[in-house]
Every structure is written in structure tokens, then in C-alpha cells.
Protein backbone atom coordinates (compact mmCIF):
# COMPACT_ATOMS: atom_id res chain seq x y z
CA LEU A 1 0.00 0.00 0.00
CA GLY A 2 2.97 2.31 0.41
CA PRO A 3 6.70 2.43 1.08
CA ILE A 4 8.55 3.28 4.25
CA PHE A 5 12.21 4.01 3.75
CA ILE A 6 14.48 3.22 6.68
CA SER A 7 18.11 4.24 6.41
CA LEU A 8 20.87 1.77 7.13
CA GLY A 9 21.41 1.74 10.89
CA GLU A 10 18.23 3.73 11.56
CA GLU A 11 16.09 2.33 14.34
CA LEU A 12 12.43 3.09 14.77
CA SER A 13 10.53 2.73 17.99
CA GLU A 14 6.95 1.55 17.79
CA LYS A 15 5.87 5.11 18.56
CA GLU A 16 7.92 6.43 15.60
CA TYR A 17 6.88 3.62 13.25
CA SER A 18 3.11 4.07 13.52
CA PRO A 19 2.93 7.63 12.11
CA ARG A 20 5.32 6.72 9.30
CA LEU A 21 3.21 3.69 8.44
CA ILE A 22 0.05 5.79 8.35
CA GLU A 23 1.69 8.41 6.11
CA ALA A 24 2.96 5.71 3.76
CA ILE A 25 -0.40 4.03 3.25
CA ARG A 26 -2.62 7.15 3.47
CA PRO A 27 -2.74 7.95 -0.29
CA ALA A 28 -3.65 4.39 -1.30
CA LEU A 29 -6.22 3.81 1.45
CA ASN A 30 -7.85 7.20 0.95
CA SER A 31 -8.12 6.44 -2.76
CA TYR A 32 -9.75 3.06 -2.12
CA ALA A 33 -12.02 4.58 0.54
CA SER A 34 -13.20 7.34 -1.79
CA SER A 35 -13.91 4.77 -4.53
CA ALA A 36 -15.90 2.68 -2.07
CA LEU A 37 -17.73 5.76 -0.74
CA ASP A 38 -16.31 5.12 2.74
CA GLU A 39 -14.45 8.36 3.35
CA ASN A 40 -16.00 8.87 6.80
CA THR A 41 -14.23 6.01 8.59
CA ASN A 42 -11.23 7.25 10.54
CA TRP A 43 -8.98 4.33 9.65
CA GLN A 44 -5.91 6.15 11.02
CA ASN A 45 -7.50 6.22 14.47
CA ILE A 46 -8.34 2.50 14.27
CA LEU A 47 -4.72 1.73 13.40
CA GLN A 48 -3.29 4.02 16.09
CA ARG A 49 -5.52 2.37 18.73
CA ARG A 50 -4.19 -0.99 17.52
CA ASP A 51 -7.73 -2.28 17.22
CA PHE A 52 -6.71 -4.97 14.77
CA LYS A 53 -10.09 -6.71 14.78
CA GLN A 54 -11.85 -3.51 13.69
CA TRP A 55 -8.97 -2.81 11.25
CA LEU A 56 -9.37 -6.24 9.65
CA ASN A 57 -13.14 -5.79 9.36
CA TRP A 58 -12.71 -2.37 7.79
CA MET A 59 -10.08 -3.62 5.33
CA GLU A 60 -12.23 -6.61 4.33
CA ASN A 61 -15.22 -4.35 3.71
CA LEU A 62 -13.13 -1.79 1.86
CA PHE A 63 -11.55 -4.29 -0.52
CA SER A 64 -14.61 -6.51 -1.00
CA ALA A 65 -15.55 -4.53 -4.11
CA TRP A 66 -12.28 -5.62 -5.75
CA ILE A 67 -12.60 -9.31 -4.94
CA PRO A 68 -14.30 -11.27 -7.73
CA GLN A 69 -17.31 -13.35 -6.76
CA ALA A 70 -16.12 -16.29 -8.84
CA ILE A 71 -12.50 -17.11 -9.56
CA PRO A 72 -11.95 -18.43 -13.09
CA ALA A 73 -9.76 -21.52 -13.40
CA SER A 74 -7.47 -19.77 -15.87
CA LYS A 75 -7.03 -16.66 -17.97
CA PRO A 76 -5.37 -16.10 -21.37
CA VAL A 77 -2.01 -15.02 -20.00
CA SER A 78 1.46 -16.17 -21.02
CA VAL A 79 3.92 -16.31 -18.13
CA VAL A 80 7.58 -16.01 -19.07
CA ILE A 81 10.27 -17.13 -16.63
CA CYS A 82 13.79 -16.16 -17.66
CA THR A 83 16.42 -18.18 -15.86
CA ARG A 84 20.05 -19.20 -16.05
CA ASN A 85 21.52 -22.17 -14.17
CA ARG A 86 19.05 -21.88 -11.29
CA ALA A 87 17.16 -25.15 -11.63
CA ASN A 88 16.25 -25.46 -7.94
CA TYR A 89 14.68 -22.00 -7.85
CA LEU A 90 12.92 -22.65 -11.14
CA GLU A 91 11.39 -25.91 -9.96
CA HIS A 92 9.85 -24.22 -6.92
CA CYS A 93 8.65 -21.32 -9.06
CA ILE A 94 6.85 -23.59 -11.51
CA GLU A 95 5.34 -25.63 -8.65
CA ARG A 96 3.98 -22.44 -7.08
CA LEU A 97 2.60 -21.22 -10.41
CA GLN A 98 0.68 -24.48 -10.76
CA GLN A 99 -0.95 -23.87 -7.36
CA LEU A 100 -2.41 -20.45 -8.21
CA SER A 101 -6.12 -19.86 -7.76
CA CYS A 102 -6.30 -18.70 -11.38
CA LEU A 103 -3.78 -20.30 -13.72
CA PRO A 104 -2.04 -18.84 -16.76
CA GLN A 105 -2.87 -20.61 -19.99
CA GLU A 106 0.81 -20.75 -20.90
CA VAL A 107 4.13 -20.94 -19.05
CA ILE A 108 7.34 -20.40 -21.00
CA VAL A 109 10.79 -20.95 -19.51
CA VAL A 110 13.60 -19.18 -21.33
CA ASP A 111 16.92 -20.83 -20.47
CA ASN A 112 19.34 -17.96 -20.96
CA ALA A 113 22.86 -18.99 -22.08
CA PRO A 114 22.91 -22.12 -19.92
CA THR A 115 26.10 -23.95 -19.05
CA ASP A 116 24.32 -27.26 -18.38
CA GLU A 117 21.02 -29.05 -19.05
CA SER A 118 19.61 -28.78 -15.52
CA THR A 119 16.93 -26.25 -16.49
CA GLU A 120 15.78 -28.35 -19.42
CA ARG A 121 15.53 -31.42 -17.15
CA ILE A 122 13.43 -29.50 -14.62
CA VAL A 123 11.04 -28.17 -17.27
CA ALA A 124 10.61 -31.70 -18.67
CA LYS A 125 9.05 -32.72 -15.33
CA PHE A 126 6.10 -30.43 -15.92
CA GLU A 127 3.31 -30.84 -18.43
CA ASN A 128 2.33 -27.77 -20.43
CA VAL A 129 5.51 -25.81 -19.65
CA ILE A 130 7.39 -24.72 -22.74
CA TYR A 131 11.19 -24.82 -22.75
CA ILE A 132 13.15 -22.42 -24.95
CA LYS A 133 16.92 -22.30 -25.01
CA GLU A 134 18.32 -18.83 -25.74
CA PRO A 135 22.08 -19.05 -26.34
CA ARG A 136 22.70 -15.29 -26.20
CA PRO A 137 23.17 -14.03 -22.62
CA GLY A 138 21.19 -11.12 -21.26
CA LEU A 139 17.87 -10.65 -19.49
CA ASP A 140 16.59 -8.29 -22.18
CA ILE A 141 17.37 -10.88 -24.86
CA ALA A 142 15.70 -13.64 -22.82
CA ARG A 143 12.57 -11.54 -22.25
CA ASN A 144 12.31 -10.68 -25.93
CA THR A 145 12.69 -14.37 -26.79
CA GLY A 146 9.85 -15.16 -24.40
CA LEU A 147 7.69 -12.46 -25.99
CA LEU A 148 8.32 -13.87 -29.46
CA HIS A 149 7.07 -17.29 -28.35
CA ALA A 150 4.08 -16.12 -26.28
CA GLN A 151 0.69 -17.08 -27.69
CA TYR A 152 -1.40 -14.63 -25.64
CA ASP A 153 -1.70 -10.85 -25.74
CA VAL A 154 -1.08 -10.51 -22.01
CA VAL A 155 2.46 -11.55 -21.08
CA ALA A 156 3.59 -11.58 -17.46
CA PHE A 157 7.24 -11.92 -16.49
CA VAL A 158 8.21 -13.53 -13.22
CA ASP A 159 11.64 -14.13 -11.74
CA ASP A 160 12.60 -17.72 -11.01
CA ASP A 161 13.04 -17.09 -7.28
CA VAL A 162 9.77 -15.44 -6.28
CA GLN A 163 6.43 -16.58 -4.98
CA VAL A 164 3.50 -14.73 -6.50
CA HIS A 165 0.13 -14.09 -4.90
CA PRO A 166 -2.47 -16.83 -5.58
CA MET A 167 -4.57 -14.32 -7.54
CA TRP A 168 -1.62 -12.81 -9.46
CA ILE A 169 -2.66 -14.07 -12.90
CA TYR A 170 -6.24 -12.94 -12.44
CA TRP A 171 -5.21 -9.41 -11.46
CA VAL A 172 -2.59 -9.13 -14.20
CA TRP A 173 -5.23 -10.14 -16.74
CA HIS A 174 -7.82 -7.86 -15.13
CA SER A 175 -5.51 -4.83 -15.37
CA PHE A 176 -5.49 -5.14 -19.15
CA GLN A 177 -9.28 -5.19 -19.44
CA ASP A 178 -8.95 -1.40 -19.29
CA LEU A 179 -7.89 -0.72 -22.87
CA SER A 180 -5.92 2.37 -21.84
CA VAL A 181 -3.48 0.13 -19.90
CA VAL A 182 -0.44 -0.90 -21.94
CA ALA A 183 1.88 -2.04 -19.12
CA MET A 184 1.71 -2.73 -15.41
CA THR A 185 4.09 -3.68 -12.66
């Protein structure tokens, strides 16, 4: 909802942290609250009082408008994972992608200038995951190779060492339903 920057070596007491947290998330929460016509709730006061039960209830009500009633099994999204000699990370990444609430219709692994076949062996374990070997090193080259092979208009890139939110694919796809959106991060 918002960043808090803490300098190296800087220590924040709980008393100092709370106002910084509120300032960091204020623009996003006020925007959501105005969209939901809930501008009268003093969410800052709820947070300062540390009334986490009321906070959770307010947040659930606030964001309920953005939660779909039915989650589709998949959406027409191509996921591109660019990797290089990181088979263990990649395996976990693909496993997590297969556990999403809404699945991509295509997963492409671009093996960028590999020095062994470990990535290819990992990809072979998974059905419906496409393996592409790109001999030229460079993330930009690997991403472009993935784009060239993607079948769907919406292409989402994910690093091989991250865990995405279970609804990631749905929300990536949803972002592009607004035709004025050409990129998102």
C-alpha cells in the first residue's frame, strides 16, 4: 500500500513507526475509501488504537468490491520465466505457479545462455511448460525471446526465485481489461 524508507542503521521505535506507516499508506487507502464511498471512517485512528479486529473488518469491507465473486480456473495469460543455471529456484517457481487460484494458460521458460542441461531437465518434469533455449546471454534478450514465443496478448514476467500471490494471474489479466493500460508492474 505504500513504502517506508528506513536508512541503514536507523532504528524506529513503535511510537515512531506508527505515524510513518500511516503516512505511507494514506494515499492508497484514501483512494480506495473514496472509490468505495467510505471516506467517513477514521482508519488512522483504528490503526493508532491498535484495534486490529476492527482494522481487519474495515479492510475486508473496503476491498470486498475488488474481490471477484467467482475465480476463473485460468485466464489467457502467457507467463515467461527467464532463468540461467538456477534449476532449484525454477522448480519451486513452476510448482507455485501451478498452485495459483487462477492459472495462466501458458508458461514459458527461457533458459538464458545455460552452461548445463539442468533447467531443461526440470522443465521436462512439468506438463504444459514450454522450454526455450536462448544461447545469447542477457535478461533483455531472454525476455524478448519469451515475448516472441508467447501465444497470448497478455504476457507476465516472473523471476525464477519469487512466490506470486495466488490471484496474481487474475489481477494481471484484469488490469489489461482497461484498454488504456499498456503495461503494469
